[in-house]
Amino acid sequence: MGVDAVLYRLVRAGPAHRRPSYVASQVVADPDDVLLDLLKRVRGGGRTPLLDRLDPLGELLVDAGSAPQLLAELRCLAEVARAPAEVEHIRRLALLVRRCLDTRDVEIRFEAD
């Protein structure tokens, strides 16, 4: 029951739409709870305030404006990563976050299974 990171892209509202909507464009799946295991090692230390809000049963939305903070917090997770699978998961998450830095009409949602 992992927490997947999903990159959503803004779809501009046309004349028939009242408000814009988002479409999933990329997913970093976490079926083995790698992210949650990493967060247990750093949670509450004050270094990952954004990720500390992650709910393993809910959703955490990170907009493009918060992407630099999220990237910094992923570096904190990288410091405690032990297994190659953990390092690879952080690398894939960082790539997703960098897409947010490059494209402002996206957001990342951490979604529980």
N, C-alpha and C. Protein backbone atom coordinates (compact mmCIF):
# COMPACT_ATOMS: atom_id res chain seq x y z
N MET A 1 0.84 -1.19 0.00
CA MET A 1 0.00 0.00 0.00
C MET A 1 0.87 1.24 0.00
N GLY A 2 1.58 1.48 -1.09
CA GLY A 2 2.50 2.59 -1.19
C GLY A 2 1.83 3.91 -1.54
N VAL A 3 2.65 4.91 -1.65
CA VAL A 3 2.19 6.23 -2.05
C VAL A 3 2.85 6.55 -3.39
N ASP A 4 2.03 6.65 -4.43
CA ASP A 4 2.53 6.96 -5.76
C ASP A 4 2.63 8.46 -5.95
N ALA A 5 3.65 8.89 -6.68
CA ALA A 5 3.79 10.29 -7.06
C ALA A 5 3.30 10.42 -8.50
N VAL A 6 2.33 11.30 -8.70
CA VAL A 6 1.73 11.46 -10.02
C VAL A 6 1.88 12.90 -10.46
N LEU A 7 2.44 13.07 -11.65
CA LEU A 7 2.57 14.40 -12.24
C LEU A 7 1.31 14.68 -13.04
N TYR A 8 0.64 15.76 -12.69
CA TYR A 8 -0.57 16.18 -13.41
C TYR A 8 -0.27 17.44 -14.21
N ARG A 9 -0.77 17.45 -15.42
CA ARG A 9 -0.59 18.59 -16.33
C ARG A 9 -1.92 19.33 -16.43
N LEU A 10 -1.86 20.65 -16.38
CA LEU A 10 -3.04 21.49 -16.49
C LEU A 10 -3.57 21.45 -17.91
N VAL A 11 -4.86 21.20 -18.03
CA VAL A 11 -5.53 21.28 -19.32
C VAL A 11 -6.35 22.55 -19.29
N ARG A 12 -5.99 23.47 -20.14
CA ARG A 12 -6.67 24.77 -20.15
C ARG A 12 -8.15 24.61 -20.44
N ALA A 13 -8.92 25.36 -19.73
CA ALA A 13 -10.36 25.30 -19.92
C ALA A 13 -10.75 26.02 -21.21
N GLY A 14 -11.58 25.38 -21.96
CA GLY A 14 -12.10 25.99 -23.18
C GLY A 14 -13.33 26.81 -22.83
N PRO A 15 -13.99 27.36 -23.83
CA PRO A 15 -15.17 28.19 -23.57
C PRO A 15 -16.31 27.42 -22.90
N ALA A 16 -16.37 26.11 -23.12
CA ALA A 16 -17.46 25.32 -22.53
C ALA A 16 -17.14 24.89 -21.09
N HIS A 17 -15.88 25.01 -20.67
CA HIS A 17 -15.48 24.58 -19.33
C HIS A 17 -15.46 25.76 -18.37
N ARG A 18 -15.91 25.52 -17.18
CA ARG A 18 -15.94 26.60 -16.19
C ARG A 18 -14.60 26.79 -15.49
N ARG A 19 -13.88 25.69 -15.30
CA ARG A 19 -12.59 25.80 -14.63
C ARG A 19 -11.62 24.79 -15.25
N PRO A 20 -10.34 25.05 -15.09
CA PRO A 20 -9.35 24.14 -15.68
C PRO A 20 -9.35 22.79 -14.97
N SER A 21 -8.84 21.79 -15.65
CA SER A 21 -8.71 20.47 -15.04
C SER A 21 -7.30 19.95 -15.26
N TYR A 22 -6.97 18.89 -14.57
CA TYR A 22 -5.64 18.29 -14.65
C TYR A 22 -5.74 16.87 -15.17
N VAL A 23 -4.70 16.47 -15.92
CA VAL A 23 -4.62 15.13 -16.48
C VAL A 23 -3.30 14.51 -16.04
N ALA A 24 -3.34 13.27 -15.56
CA ALA A 24 -2.12 12.58 -15.15
C ALA A 24 -1.24 12.36 -16.37
N SER A 25 0.05 12.71 -16.24
CA SER A 25 0.95 12.56 -17.39
C SER A 25 2.15 11.66 -17.09
N GLN A 26 2.47 11.44 -15.82
CA GLN A 26 3.59 10.56 -15.47
C GLN A 26 3.40 10.08 -14.04
N VAL A 27 3.77 8.82 -13.79
CA VAL A 27 3.60 8.22 -12.46
C VAL A 27 4.90 7.59 -12.01
N VAL A 28 5.25 7.82 -10.75
CA VAL A 28 6.32 7.08 -10.10
C VAL A 28 5.62 6.22 -9.05
N ALA A 29 5.41 4.97 -9.41
CA ALA A 29 4.69 4.04 -8.53
C ALA A 29 5.59 3.59 -7.38
N ASP A 30 4.96 3.27 -6.28
CA ASP A 30 5.70 2.82 -5.09
C ASP A 30 4.98 1.64 -4.44
N PRO A 31 4.91 0.50 -5.12
CA PRO A 31 4.19 -0.65 -4.56
C PRO A 31 4.88 -1.27 -3.34
N ASP A 32 6.15 -0.97 -3.14
CA ASP A 32 6.90 -1.58 -2.03
C ASP A 32 7.10 -0.64 -0.85
N ASP A 33 6.39 0.47 -0.81
CA ASP A 33 6.46 1.44 0.30
C ASP A 33 7.85 2.02 0.53
N VAL A 34 8.61 2.18 -0.52
CA VAL A 34 9.97 2.72 -0.40
C VAL A 34 9.93 4.14 0.19
N LEU A 35 9.05 4.98 -0.34
CA LEU A 35 8.98 6.37 0.13
C LEU A 35 8.59 6.43 1.61
N LEU A 36 7.60 5.66 1.99
CA LEU A 36 7.17 5.67 3.39
C LEU A 36 8.26 5.18 4.32
N ASP A 37 9.01 4.17 3.90
CA ASP A 37 10.12 3.67 4.71
C ASP A 37 11.20 4.74 4.88
N LEU A 38 11.51 5.46 3.81
CA LEU A 38 12.49 6.53 3.90
C LEU A 38 12.00 7.65 4.81
N LEU A 39 10.73 7.99 4.69
CA LEU A 39 10.18 9.07 5.51
C LEU A 39 10.21 8.74 7.00
N LYS A 40 10.05 7.48 7.34
CA LYS A 40 10.11 7.07 8.74
C LYS A 40 11.47 7.41 9.35
N ARG A 41 12.51 7.39 8.54
CA ARG A 41 13.87 7.66 9.04
C ARG A 41 14.14 9.14 9.27
N VAL A 42 13.39 10.01 8.60
CA VAL A 42 13.67 11.45 8.72
C VAL A 42 12.52 12.25 9.32
N ARG A 43 11.35 11.67 9.37
CA ARG A 43 10.15 12.39 9.81
C ARG A 43 10.33 12.98 11.20
N GLY A 44 9.88 14.23 11.32
CA GLY A 44 9.92 14.91 12.62
C GLY A 44 11.23 15.57 12.94
N GLY A 45 12.23 15.42 12.08
CA GLY A 45 13.52 16.05 12.33
C GLY A 45 13.60 17.49 11.87
N GLY A 46 12.53 17.98 11.25
CA GLY A 46 12.49 19.37 10.80
C GLY A 46 13.12 19.61 9.43
N ARG A 47 13.66 18.57 8.83
CA ARG A 47 14.34 18.75 7.53
C ARG A 47 13.42 18.51 6.35
N THR A 48 12.25 17.90 6.59
CA THR A 48 11.33 17.57 5.50
C THR A 48 9.90 18.00 5.85
N PRO A 49 9.68 19.28 6.09
CA PRO A 49 8.34 19.71 6.53
C PRO A 49 7.24 19.45 5.49
N LEU A 50 7.58 19.55 4.23
CA LEU A 50 6.58 19.29 3.18
C LEU A 50 6.23 17.81 3.15
N LEU A 51 7.23 16.95 3.09
CA LEU A 51 6.99 15.52 3.04
C LEU A 51 6.44 14.97 4.36
N ASP A 52 6.69 15.66 5.46
CA ASP A 52 6.13 15.23 6.74
C ASP A 52 4.61 15.29 6.73
N ARG A 53 4.05 16.09 5.83
CA ARG A 53 2.58 16.20 5.73
C ARG A 53 1.98 15.07 4.90
N LEU A 54 2.82 14.23 4.32
CA LEU A 54 2.33 13.14 3.49
C LEU A 54 1.51 12.17 4.33
N ASP A 55 0.31 11.88 3.86
CA ASP A 55 -0.61 10.97 4.54
C ASP A 55 -0.63 9.64 3.79
N PRO A 56 -0.21 8.56 4.43
CA PRO A 56 -0.18 7.27 3.73
C PRO A 56 -1.56 6.76 3.32
N LEU A 57 -2.61 7.43 3.76
CA LEU A 57 -3.97 7.03 3.38
C LEU A 57 -4.68 8.11 2.57
N GLY A 58 -4.01 9.21 2.29
CA GLY A 58 -4.66 10.32 1.61
C GLY A 58 -3.87 10.83 0.42
N GLU A 59 -3.87 12.14 0.27
CA GLU A 59 -3.22 12.78 -0.88
C GLU A 59 -2.52 14.05 -0.42
N LEU A 60 -1.35 14.29 -0.98
CA LEU A 60 -0.61 15.53 -0.74
C LEU A 60 -0.35 16.18 -2.09
N LEU A 61 -0.79 17.41 -2.25
CA LEU A 61 -0.60 18.13 -3.50
C LEU A 61 0.60 19.08 -3.36
N VAL A 62 1.50 19.02 -4.33
CA VAL A 62 2.66 19.90 -4.36
C VAL A 62 2.62 20.65 -5.69
N ASP A 63 2.43 21.96 -5.61
CA ASP A 63 2.38 22.73 -6.84
C ASP A 63 3.78 23.08 -7.32
N ALA A 64 3.86 23.63 -8.52
CA ALA A 64 5.15 23.94 -9.12
C ALA A 64 5.96 24.92 -8.28
N GLY A 65 5.30 25.80 -7.57
CA GLY A 65 6.00 26.76 -6.72
C GLY A 65 6.72 26.12 -5.54
N SER A 66 6.26 24.96 -5.12
CA SER A 66 6.89 24.24 -4.01
C SER A 66 7.90 23.20 -4.47
N ALA A 67 8.10 23.09 -5.77
CA ALA A 67 9.02 22.08 -6.32
C ALA A 67 10.45 22.24 -5.80
N PRO A 68 10.99 23.47 -5.68
CA PRO A 68 12.36 23.58 -5.14
C PRO A 68 12.49 23.03 -3.72
N GLN A 69 11.48 23.28 -2.89
CA GLN A 69 11.51 22.75 -1.53
C GLN A 69 11.44 21.23 -1.55
N LEU A 70 10.59 20.68 -2.40
CA LEU A 70 10.47 19.23 -2.50
C LEU A 70 11.78 18.60 -2.95
N LEU A 71 12.44 19.23 -3.89
CA LEU A 71 13.72 18.72 -4.37
C LEU A 71 14.75 18.72 -3.24
N ALA A 72 14.77 19.76 -2.44
CA ALA A 72 15.69 19.82 -1.29
C ALA A 72 15.38 18.72 -0.28
N GLU A 73 14.10 18.45 -0.08
CA GLU A 73 13.72 17.41 0.87
C GLU A 73 14.07 16.02 0.34
N LEU A 74 14.01 15.84 -0.96
CA LEU A 74 14.44 14.56 -1.54
C LEU A 74 15.93 14.33 -1.30
N ARG A 75 16.71 15.39 -1.29
CA ARG A 75 18.14 15.26 -0.99
C ARG A 75 18.33 14.75 0.44
N CYS A 76 17.48 15.19 1.36
CA CYS A 76 17.53 14.69 2.74
C CYS A 76 17.22 13.19 2.78
N LEU A 77 16.26 12.76 1.97
CA LEU A 77 15.94 11.34 1.90
C LEU A 77 17.11 10.56 1.31
N ALA A 78 17.78 11.14 0.34
CA ALA A 78 18.93 10.47 -0.29
C ALA A 78 20.03 10.21 0.73
N GLU A 79 20.17 11.08 1.72
CA GLU A 79 21.20 10.90 2.74
C GLU A 79 20.96 9.67 3.60
N VAL A 80 19.70 9.25 3.74
CA VAL A 80 19.41 8.09 4.59
C VAL A 80 19.10 6.84 3.77
N ALA A 81 19.14 6.95 2.45
CA ALA A 81 18.87 5.79 1.60
C ALA A 81 19.98 4.76 1.77
N ARG A 82 19.59 3.50 1.89
CA ARG A 82 20.55 2.43 2.11
C ARG A 82 20.62 1.46 0.94
N ALA A 83 19.49 1.12 0.41
CA ALA A 83 19.41 0.10 -0.64
C ALA A 83 19.38 0.74 -2.03
N PRO A 84 19.88 0.03 -3.03
CA PRO A 84 19.82 0.55 -4.40
C PRO A 84 18.39 0.91 -4.83
N ALA A 85 17.40 0.15 -4.39
CA ALA A 85 16.02 0.45 -4.75
C ALA A 85 15.57 1.80 -4.18
N GLU A 86 16.07 2.14 -2.99
CA GLU A 86 15.74 3.44 -2.39
C GLU A 86 16.38 4.57 -3.16
N VAL A 87 17.63 4.40 -3.52
CA VAL A 87 18.34 5.42 -4.29
C VAL A 87 17.66 5.63 -5.65
N GLU A 88 17.28 4.56 -6.29
CA GLU A 88 16.61 4.64 -7.59
C GLU A 88 15.25 5.32 -7.47
N HIS A 89 14.52 5.03 -6.42
CA HIS A 89 13.21 5.67 -6.24
C HIS A 89 13.36 7.17 -6.05
N ILE A 90 14.32 7.58 -5.26
CA ILE A 90 14.56 9.02 -5.06
C ILE A 90 14.97 9.67 -6.37
N ARG A 91 15.79 8.99 -7.16
CA ARG A 91 16.21 9.54 -8.46
C ARG A 91 15.00 9.75 -9.37
N ARG A 92 14.09 8.78 -9.40
CA ARG A 92 12.90 8.90 -10.24
C ARG A 92 11.98 10.01 -9.75
N LEU A 93 11.85 10.16 -8.43
CA LEU A 93 11.05 11.25 -7.88
C LEU A 93 11.67 12.61 -8.22
N ALA A 94 12.99 12.70 -8.14
CA ALA A 94 13.67 13.95 -8.45
C ALA A 94 13.46 14.34 -9.92
N LEU A 95 13.47 13.37 -10.80
CA LEU A 95 13.19 13.66 -12.22
C LEU A 95 11.79 14.22 -12.39
N LEU A 96 10.85 13.67 -11.67
CA LEU A 96 9.47 14.15 -11.72
C LEU A 96 9.39 15.60 -11.22
N VAL A 97 10.07 15.87 -10.12
CA VAL A 97 10.07 17.22 -9.55
C VAL A 97 10.73 18.21 -10.51
N ARG A 98 11.80 17.79 -11.15
CA ARG A 98 12.47 18.69 -12.12
C ARG A 98 11.55 19.05 -13.27
N ARG A 99 10.66 18.16 -13.64
CA ARG A 99 9.67 18.49 -14.68
C ARG A 99 8.77 19.62 -14.20
N CYS A 100 8.49 19.65 -12.90
CA CYS A 100 7.70 20.75 -12.34
C CYS A 100 8.46 22.07 -12.43
N LEU A 101 9.76 22.01 -12.24
CA LEU A 101 10.57 23.22 -12.32
C LEU A 101 10.61 23.77 -13.74
N ASP A 102 10.59 22.86 -14.71
CA ASP A 102 10.68 23.26 -16.11
C ASP A 102 9.34 23.68 -16.70
N THR A 103 8.25 23.13 -16.17
CA THR A 103 6.93 23.37 -16.72
C THR A 103 6.03 23.85 -15.60
N ARG A 104 5.61 25.07 -15.64
CA ARG A 104 4.86 25.66 -14.53
C ARG A 104 3.39 25.23 -14.48
N ASP A 105 2.85 24.64 -15.52
CA ASP A 105 1.43 24.28 -15.50
C ASP A 105 1.23 22.82 -15.10
N VAL A 106 2.02 22.38 -14.11
CA VAL A 106 1.92 21.01 -13.61
C VAL A 106 1.90 21.04 -12.08
N GLU A 107 1.52 19.91 -11.51
CA GLU A 107 1.57 19.72 -10.08
C GLU A 107 1.82 18.25 -9.81
N ILE A 108 2.35 17.96 -8.64
CA ILE A 108 2.57 16.58 -8.23
C ILE A 108 1.61 16.27 -7.10
N ARG A 109 1.00 15.10 -7.22
CA ARG A 109 0.15 14.62 -6.14
C ARG A 109 0.71 13.29 -5.65
N PHE A 110 0.93 13.22 -4.36
CA PHE A 110 1.31 11.96 -3.74
C PHE A 110 0.01 11.29 -3.34
N GLU A 111 -0.30 10.17 -3.99
CA GLU A 111 -1.59 9.52 -3.81
C GLU A 111 -1.42 8.14 -3.19
N ALA A 112 -2.16 7.91 -2.11
CA ALA A 112 -2.13 6.59 -1.47
C ALA A 112 -2.89 5.59 -2.34
N ASP A 113 -2.42 4.36 -2.27
CA ASP A 113 -3.10 3.29 -3.03
C ASP A 113 -4.44 2.94 -2.44
